[in-house]
Protein backbone atom coordinates (compact mmCIF):
# COMPACT_ATOMS: atom_id res chain seq x y z
CA UNK A 1 -12.74 59.27 -21.26
CA UNK A 2 -9.07 60.09 -21.67
CA UNK A 3 -8.47 59.29 -18.01
CA UNK A 4 -10.21 55.94 -18.46
CA UNK A 5 -8.11 55.12 -21.53
CA UNK A 6 -4.95 56.10 -19.67
CA UNK A 7 -5.81 53.81 -16.74
CA UNK A 8 -6.66 51.01 -19.14
CA UNK A 9 -3.34 51.42 -20.94
CA UNK A 10 -1.41 51.35 -17.66
CA UNK A 11 -3.35 48.21 -16.64
CA UNK A 12 -2.41 46.37 -19.84
CA UNK A 13 1.21 47.46 -19.49
CA UNK A 14 1.72 46.30 -15.89
CA UNK A 15 -0.42 43.12 -15.95
CA UNK A 16 2.18 40.99 -17.84
CA UNK A 17 4.83 42.19 -15.39
CA UNK A 18 2.68 41.29 -12.36
CA UNK A 19 1.78 37.88 -13.82
CA UNK A 20 5.42 37.21 -14.60
CA UNK A 21 6.40 38.13 -11.03
CA UNK A 22 3.62 35.97 -9.61
CA UNK A 23 4.76 32.99 -11.69
CA UNK A 24 8.33 33.55 -10.54
CA UNK A 25 7.22 33.62 -6.89
CA UNK A 26 5.29 30.38 -7.34
CA UNK A 27 8.31 28.69 -8.87
CA UNK A 28 10.65 29.83 -6.07
CA UNK A 29 10.16 27.46 -3.14
CA UNK A 30 10.69 29.00 0.26
CA UNK A 31 11.78 27.12 3.36
CA UNK A 32 10.57 25.91 5.69
CA UNK A 33 7.13 25.00 4.33
CA UNK A 34 4.60 22.32 5.10
CA UNK A 35 1.40 20.72 3.89
CA UNK A 36 -1.28 18.68 5.60
CA UNK A 37 -2.66 15.54 3.97
CA UNK A 38 -4.87 12.63 4.87
CA UNK A 39 -7.49 10.17 3.79
CA UNK A 40 -10.27 7.95 5.12
CA UNK A 41 -11.63 4.66 3.86
CA UNK A 42 -14.15 2.18 5.12
CA UNK A 43 -17.26 0.21 4.17
CA UNK A 44 -20.81 -0.71 4.78
CA UNK A 45 -20.56 -4.51 4.57
CA UNK A 46 -22.70 -7.58 5.11
CA UNK A 47 -21.43 -11.14 5.33
CA UNK A 48 -23.87 -13.33 3.40
CA UNK A 49 -21.94 -16.61 3.45
CA UNK A 50 -19.23 -18.35 5.47
CA UNK A 51 -18.54 -19.18 9.10
CA UNK A 52 -16.00 -18.43 11.83
CA UNK A 53 -14.24 -21.82 11.85
CA UNK A 54 -10.96 -20.95 10.15
CA UNK A 55 -7.72 -19.12 10.80
CA UNK A 56 -7.49 -17.32 7.46
CA UNK A 57 -5.84 -13.90 7.30
CA UNK A 58 -8.90 -12.57 5.48
CA UNK A 59 -10.51 -9.76 7.48
CA UNK A 60 -13.99 -11.35 7.41
CA UNK A 61 -12.89 -14.92 8.24
CA UNK A 62 -13.86 -14.67 11.91
CA UNK A 63 -16.98 -12.58 11.45
CA UNK A 64 -20.23 -14.48 11.73
CA UNK A 65 -22.64 -14.86 8.84
CA UNK A 66 -25.39 -12.23 8.53
CA UNK A 67 -23.41 -9.58 10.43
CA UNK A 68 -23.48 -6.16 8.79
CA UNK A 69 -21.93 -2.87 9.86
CA UNK A 70 -20.55 0.49 8.92
CA UNK A 71 -16.85 0.59 9.73
CA UNK A 72 -13.62 2.45 9.08
CA UNK A 73 -10.65 0.46 7.87
CA UNK A 74 -8.23 3.39 8.00
CA UNK A 75 -8.29 7.04 9.07
CA UNK A 76 -4.99 8.84 8.46
CA UNK A 77 -3.83 12.39 9.13
CA UNK A 78 -0.32 13.48 8.17
CA UNK A 79 2.10 16.35 7.70
CA UNK A 80 4.91 16.78 5.17
CA UNK A 81 7.46 19.40 6.31
CA UNK A 82 10.18 20.70 3.99
CA UNK A 83 13.02 21.92 6.21
CA UNK A 84 15.35 22.93 3.37
CA UNK A 85 16.27 21.98 -0.16
CA UNK A 86 18.00 18.88 1.21
CA UNK A 87 15.95 17.90 4.26
CA UNK A 88 12.29 17.08 4.77
CA UNK A 89 10.26 15.28 7.43
CA UNK A 90 7.02 13.31 7.52
CA UNK A 91 4.66 12.59 10.40
CA UNK A 92 1.31 10.78 10.30
CA UNK A 93 -1.16 9.30 12.76
CA UNK A 94 -3.44 6.50 11.65
CA UNK A 95 -6.24 4.32 12.88
CA UNK A 96 -6.26 0.89 11.23
CA UNK A 97 -9.09 -1.54 11.96
CA UNK A 98 -9.50 -3.50 14.18
CA UNK A 99 -7.19 -1.67 16.67
CA UNK A 100 -9.18 -0.71 19.78
CA UNK A 101 -8.73 0.62 23.29
CA UNK A 102 -10.04 -1.39 26.23
CA UNK A 103 -13.28 0.59 26.09
CA UNK A 104 -13.78 -0.38 22.44
CA UNK A 105 -12.87 3.03 21.02
CA UNK A 106 -10.73 3.27 17.91
CA UNK A 107 -7.01 3.69 18.64
CA UNK A 108 -4.67 5.87 16.52
CA UNK A 109 -0.94 5.13 16.36
CA UNK A 110 2.19 6.66 14.83
CA UNK A 111 2.29 5.43 11.25
CA UNK A 112 5.04 7.66 9.85
CA UNK A 113 7.73 9.67 11.62
CA UNK A 114 10.86 10.07 9.53
CA UNK A 115 13.42 12.54 8.27
CA UNK A 116 14.71 12.48 4.68
CA UNK A 117 18.09 13.64 3.35
CA UNK A 118 18.11 14.29 -0.37
CA UNK A 119 21.01 14.88 -2.77
CA UNK A 120 23.73 13.36 -0.58
CA UNK A 121 23.67 10.33 -2.90
CA UNK A 122 22.91 11.23 -6.54
CA UNK A 123 19.24 10.65 -7.51
CA UNK A 124 18.56 9.16 -4.06
CA UNK A 125 16.97 9.89 -0.68
CA UNK A 126 18.17 8.61 2.70
CA UNK A 127 15.42 8.05 5.27
CA UNK A 128 15.63 7.54 9.03
CA UNK A 129 12.61 6.72 11.20
CA UNK A 130 9.33 4.92 10.70
CA UNK A 131 8.45 4.73 7.00
CA UNK A 132 7.01 2.67 4.16
CA UNK A 133 8.92 -0.54 3.45
CA UNK A 134 9.97 -1.76 -0.03
CA UNK A 135 7.91 -4.96 0.45
CA UNK A 136 4.92 -3.69 -1.54
CA UNK A 137 4.16 -0.07 -0.58
CA UNK A 138 6.52 1.62 -3.03
CA UNK A 139 5.68 -0.16 -6.29
CA UNK A 140 3.15 -3.02 -6.52
CA UNK A 141 0.60 -1.40 -4.19
CA UNK A 142 0.82 1.87 -6.15
CA UNK A 143 0.20 0.11 -9.48
CA UNK A 144 -2.73 -1.78 -7.92
CA UNK A 145 -4.03 1.60 -6.76
CA UNK A 146 -6.94 0.18 -4.75
CA UNK A 147 -5.49 -0.21 -1.25
CA UNK A 148 -8.69 1.40 -0.01
CA UNK A 149 -10.59 -1.60 -1.42
CA UNK A 150 -8.14 -4.35 -0.40
CA UNK A 151 -4.56 -4.87 0.72
CA UNK A 152 -1.75 -6.01 -1.55
CA UNK A 153 -1.27 -9.81 -1.67
CA UNK A 154 1.70 -9.86 0.77
CA UNK A 155 -0.06 -7.48 3.13
CA UNK A 156 -3.32 -9.45 2.98
CA UNK A 157 -1.52 -12.71 3.82
CA UNK A 158 0.66 -11.10 6.52
CA UNK A 159 3.87 -11.98 4.70
CA UNK A 160 5.31 -8.54 5.38
CA UNK A 161 4.44 -5.14 6.79
CA UNK A 162 3.84 -1.89 4.92
CA UNK A 163 5.83 0.11 7.51
CA UNK A 164 8.89 -0.37 9.70
CA UNK A 165 11.32 1.64 11.83
CA UNK A 166 14.83 1.80 10.40
CA UNK A 167 17.26 3.29 7.91
CA UNK A 168 16.61 3.21 4.16
CA UNK A 169 17.77 4.50 0.79
CA UNK A 170 15.28 5.01 -2.02
CA UNK A 171 17.15 5.70 -5.22
CA UNK A 172 17.37 5.87 -8.98
CA UNK A 173 20.33 4.49 -10.86
CA UNK A 174 20.10 6.89 -13.79
CA UNK A 175 18.84 10.45 -14.28
CA UNK A 176 15.86 9.31 -16.39
CA UNK A 177 14.59 7.18 -13.50
CA UNK A 178 14.17 4.08 -15.67
CA UNK A 179 16.17 2.01 -13.18
CA UNK A 180 15.97 2.17 -9.42
CA UNK A 181 16.43 0.45 -6.09
CA UNK A 182 15.05 0.50 -2.56
CA UNK A 183 17.01 -0.89 0.38
CA UNK A 184 16.22 -0.85 4.10
CA UNK A 185 17.54 -2.06 7.44
CA UNK A 186 14.83 -2.15 10.12
CA UNK A 187 13.40 -3.64 13.29
CA UNK A 188 10.99 -5.92 11.42
CA UNK A 189 8.22 -5.04 13.88
CA UNK A 190 6.07 -2.71 11.79
CA UNK A 191 4.73 0.07 14.04
CA UNK A 192 5.36 -1.94 17.21
CA UNK A 193 8.22 -1.26 19.62
CA UNK A 194 11.28 -3.47 19.10
CA UNK A 195 11.53 -6.29 21.65
CA UNK A 196 14.58 -8.26 20.45
CA UNK A 197 18.08 -7.91 19.03
CA UNK A 198 17.09 -9.36 15.65
CA UNK A 199 16.64 -7.16 12.58
CA UNK A 200 15.18 -7.30 9.07
CA UNK A 201 16.95 -6.55 5.76
CA UNK A 202 15.00 -5.45 2.68
CA UNK A 203 16.05 -4.89 -0.93
CA UNK A 204 14.47 -4.41 -4.35
CA UNK A 205 15.52 -3.38 -7.83
CA UNK A 206 13.11 -2.24 -10.52
CA UNK A 207 13.08 -1.10 -14.12
CA UNK A 208 10.67 0.68 -16.46
CA UNK A 209 10.23 -0.34 -20.09
CA UNK A 210 8.27 0.82 -23.13
CA UNK A 211 8.38 4.51 -22.24
CA UNK A 212 7.49 3.73 -18.60
CA UNK A 213 4.34 1.82 -19.51
CA UNK A 214 5.74 -1.38 -17.98
CA UNK A 215 7.49 -1.76 -14.64
CA UNK A 216 9.21 -4.90 -13.36
CA UNK A 217 10.53 -5.46 -9.85
CA UNK A 218 12.51 -8.15 -8.03
CA UNK A 219 12.39 -8.06 -4.23
CA UNK A 220 13.82 -10.05 -1.30
CA UNK A 221 14.04 -9.70 2.46
CA UNK A 222 15.65 -11.64 5.31
CA UNK A 223 14.73 -11.59 9.00
CA UNK A 224 16.03 -13.47 12.02
CA UNK A 225 13.14 -14.34 14.33
CA UNK A 226 15.14 -16.15 17.03
CA UNK A 227 18.68 -17.50 17.19
CA UNK A 228 17.50 -20.64 15.39
CA UNK A 229 14.57 -19.50 13.18
CA UNK A 230 14.41 -16.98 10.34
CA UNK A 231 12.35 -15.89 7.34
CA UNK A 232 13.36 -15.17 3.76
CA UNK A 233 10.89 -13.72 1.26
CA UNK A 234 11.24 -13.58 -2.53
CA UNK A 235 8.88 -11.61 -4.75
CA UNK A 236 8.51 -10.68 -8.40
CA UNK A 237 6.14 -8.11 -9.85
CA UNK A 238 5.33 -6.83 -13.33
CA UNK A 239 2.84 -4.07 -14.01
CA UNK A 240 1.30 -2.39 -17.03
CA UNK A 241 0.45 1.32 -16.72
CA UNK A 242 -1.60 2.98 -19.46
CA UNK A 243 -3.79 6.11 -19.41
CA UNK A 244 -6.93 4.01 -19.87
CA UNK A 245 -5.95 0.84 -17.93
CA UNK A 246 -3.62 -0.83 -15.44
CA UNK A 247 -2.78 -4.48 -14.80
CA UNK A 248 -0.31 -6.47 -12.77
CA UNK A 249 0.96 -9.88 -11.70
CA UNK A 250 2.65 -10.44 -8.34
CA UNK A 251 4.12 -13.71 -7.08
CA UNK A 252 5.94 -14.52 -3.83
CA UNK A 253 7.41 -17.38 -1.86
CA UNK A 254 8.52 -17.23 1.74
CA UNK A 255 10.77 -19.70 3.55
CA UNK A 256 10.16 -19.84 7.30
CA UNK A 257 13.04 -21.99 8.55
CA UNK A 258 12.55 -24.42 11.42
CA UNK A 259 9.13 -23.03 12.40
CA UNK A 260 7.72 -26.43 13.39
CA UNK A 261 8.83 -28.24 16.54
CA UNK A 262 10.27 -31.06 14.40
CA UNK A 263 12.60 -28.57 12.68
CA UNK A 264 10.82 -28.50 9.31
CA UNK A 265 10.18 -25.35 7.30
CA UNK A 266 6.97 -23.51 6.42
CA UNK A 267 6.74 -22.26 2.84
CA UNK A 268 3.83 -19.88 2.07
CA UNK A 269 3.27 -19.17 -1.64
CA UNK A 270 0.93 -16.81 -3.45
CA UNK A 271 0.18 -15.18 -6.79
CA UNK A 272 -2.10 -12.24 -7.57
CA UNK A 273 -3.58 -10.97 -10.85
CA UNK A 274 -5.42 -7.66 -11.18
CA UNK A 275 -6.74 -5.35 -13.88
CA UNK A 276 -8.35 -1.89 -13.85
CA UNK A 277 -10.12 -0.20 -16.73
CA UNK A 278 -11.03 3.50 -16.88
CA UNK A 279 -14.45 3.90 -18.49
CA UNK A 280 -14.70 7.67 -17.89
CA UNK A 281 -11.58 9.59 -16.91
CA UNK A 282 -11.63 10.44 -13.19
CA UNK A 283 -15.33 9.47 -13.10
CA UNK A 284 -15.84 5.73 -13.53
CA UNK A 285 -13.60 2.65 -13.44
CA UNK A 286 -14.02 -1.09 -13.12
CA UNK A 287 -11.57 -3.46 -11.46
CA UNK A 288 -11.05 -7.13 -10.76
CA UNK A 289 -8.52 -9.20 -8.85
CA UNK A 290 -7.82 -12.89 -8.27
CA UNK A 291 -5.33 -14.33 -5.73
CA UNK A 292 -4.19 -17.88 -5.12
CA UNK A 293 -2.61 -18.62 -1.73
CA UNK A 294 -1.12 -21.74 -0.17
CA UNK A 295 -0.11 -21.20 3.47
CA UNK A 296 2.48 -23.99 3.33
CA UNK A 297 3.70 -25.72 0.18
CA UNK A 298 6.11 -27.74 2.30
CA UNK A 299 3.18 -29.64 3.86
CA UNK A 300 0.84 -30.50 0.97
CA UNK A 301 -1.72 -32.22 3.22
CA UNK A 302 -2.08 -29.56 5.92
CA UNK A 303 -4.37 -26.55 5.92
CA UNK A 304 -6.51 -24.97 3.22
CA UNK A 305 -5.62 -23.42 -0.10
CA UNK A 306 -7.38 -20.08 -0.56
CA UNK A 307 -8.81 -18.43 -3.65
CA UNK A 308 -9.57 -14.73 -3.29
CA UNK A 309 -11.75 -12.78 -5.73
CA UNK A 310 -12.59 -9.07 -5.56
CA UNK A 311 -14.35 -7.02 -8.24
CA UNK A 312 -16.35 -3.82 -8.38
CA UNK A 313 -17.07 -0.40 -9.84
CA UNK A 314 -15.33 2.79 -8.75
CA UNK A 315 -17.60 5.84 -9.06
CA UNK A 316 -15.88 9.21 -8.53
CA UNK A 317 -18.24 12.18 -8.10
CA UNK A 318 -14.99 14.11 -7.50
CA UNK A 319 -11.41 13.00 -8.14
CA UNK A 320 -10.84 12.90 -4.36
CA UNK A 321 -14.08 11.07 -3.52
CA UNK A 322 -14.70 7.39 -4.36
CA UNK A 323 -17.83 5.28 -3.88
CA UNK A 324 -17.09 1.65 -4.69
CA UNK A 325 -19.70 -1.13 -4.67
CA UNK A 326 -17.70 -4.38 -4.70
CA UNK A 327 -17.89 -8.10 -3.93
CA UNK A 328 -15.29 -9.69 -1.64
CA UNK A 329 -14.92 -13.52 -1.78
CA UNK A 330 -12.41 -15.83 -0.12
CA UNK A 331 -12.92 -19.52 -0.94
CA UNK A 332 -11.17 -22.54 0.63
CA UNK A 333 -10.03 -26.00 -0.44
CA UNK A 334 -8.86 -28.57 2.10
CA UNK A 335 -5.40 -29.90 1.23
CA UNK A 336 -5.84 -33.08 3.28
CA UNK A 337 -7.33 -36.36 1.94
CA UNK A 338 -10.32 -35.77 4.24
CA UNK A 339 -11.55 -33.00 1.93
CA UNK A 340 -13.17 -31.06 4.77
CA UNK A 341 -15.64 -28.56 3.42
CA UNK A 342 -15.37 -24.98 4.51
CA UNK A 343 -17.80 -22.37 3.29
CA UNK A 344 -16.49 -19.44 1.27
CA UNK A 345 -16.61 -16.02 2.92
CA UNK A 346 -18.76 -13.80 0.69
CA UNK A 347 -19.12 -10.14 1.58
CA UNK A 348 -20.87 -7.49 -0.56
CA UNK A 349 -19.60 -4.03 0.36
CA UNK A 350 -20.07 -0.36 -0.38
CA UNK A 351 -16.58 1.04 0.11
CA UNK A 352 -16.02 4.77 0.54
CA UNK A 353 -12.74 6.65 0.22
CA UNK A 354 -12.00 10.35 0.38
CA UNK A 355 -8.79 12.35 0.39
CA UNK A 356 -8.03 15.70 1.99
CA UNK A 357 -4.85 17.70 1.42
């Protein structure tokens, strides 16, 4: 009995010391270190209305009515590698639908491959390689939070790419992080190999308000396409971030100079509204989104205006597993006096999304 009490006393004496040492070891980061991450999302979908007559950027625009299928929209596998306190690297392979090999198999590509230098500029990180662009990936898409259901407005309408190869600085202006900026100089080709001398310039500034419950961003980019044509994009975004809900408004205009043979410009314009409500924390949410898109405001009688609607329920049996029944609708209105009717694309889907890391 005495021996037992002695052992018990020693146990209680050394346990706090061991726990303290364990906590200290966890807090001390050793280098190099790495972590694997990834995610998969896709759908079972069925197109119940629409046709294949148009040239919309919507993913179901050219799919025939009554087609249904299981399909991946993205499969990503990545690695974050911390080289030292100041340097880290990222590498990721991704399959994005509808990329295919000649045999019809799904084709992966290099999505991220970059090195990051921290602390050289106060509160900032310098990046070199293929990375996320400031166009929508760093702020508006994160507030939307449902990329696995649908792309951000500018991504959906192919106004800009989520990735590019280049040099960038992601930074904060103050220690609190209430004000920040993202600038980049890149190829303008996304994940594709550069094939010209022309480059793309990106820049955004953002600010948080109301104890970081509201974020506002102003963004612009400029890209030479040829020696006589270029694109300039302007975007504004404001988002509300609360524990029980999120909402946002995004608006853009792009000027594509001298894109028609007669030397006139093309001016796409779009606005997006979305809202998400958490019914049960990390268990059940509802969401809705509405987009308006005009492919060319400079030619009011050419093409179709588009009205996109997406809404659904996000069921999470685990915080890293999402099952999302949702309705995807893209409707069209002819801008010409002819008033040509085009059927809306209507696609019920069961979207799935899971994360591994």
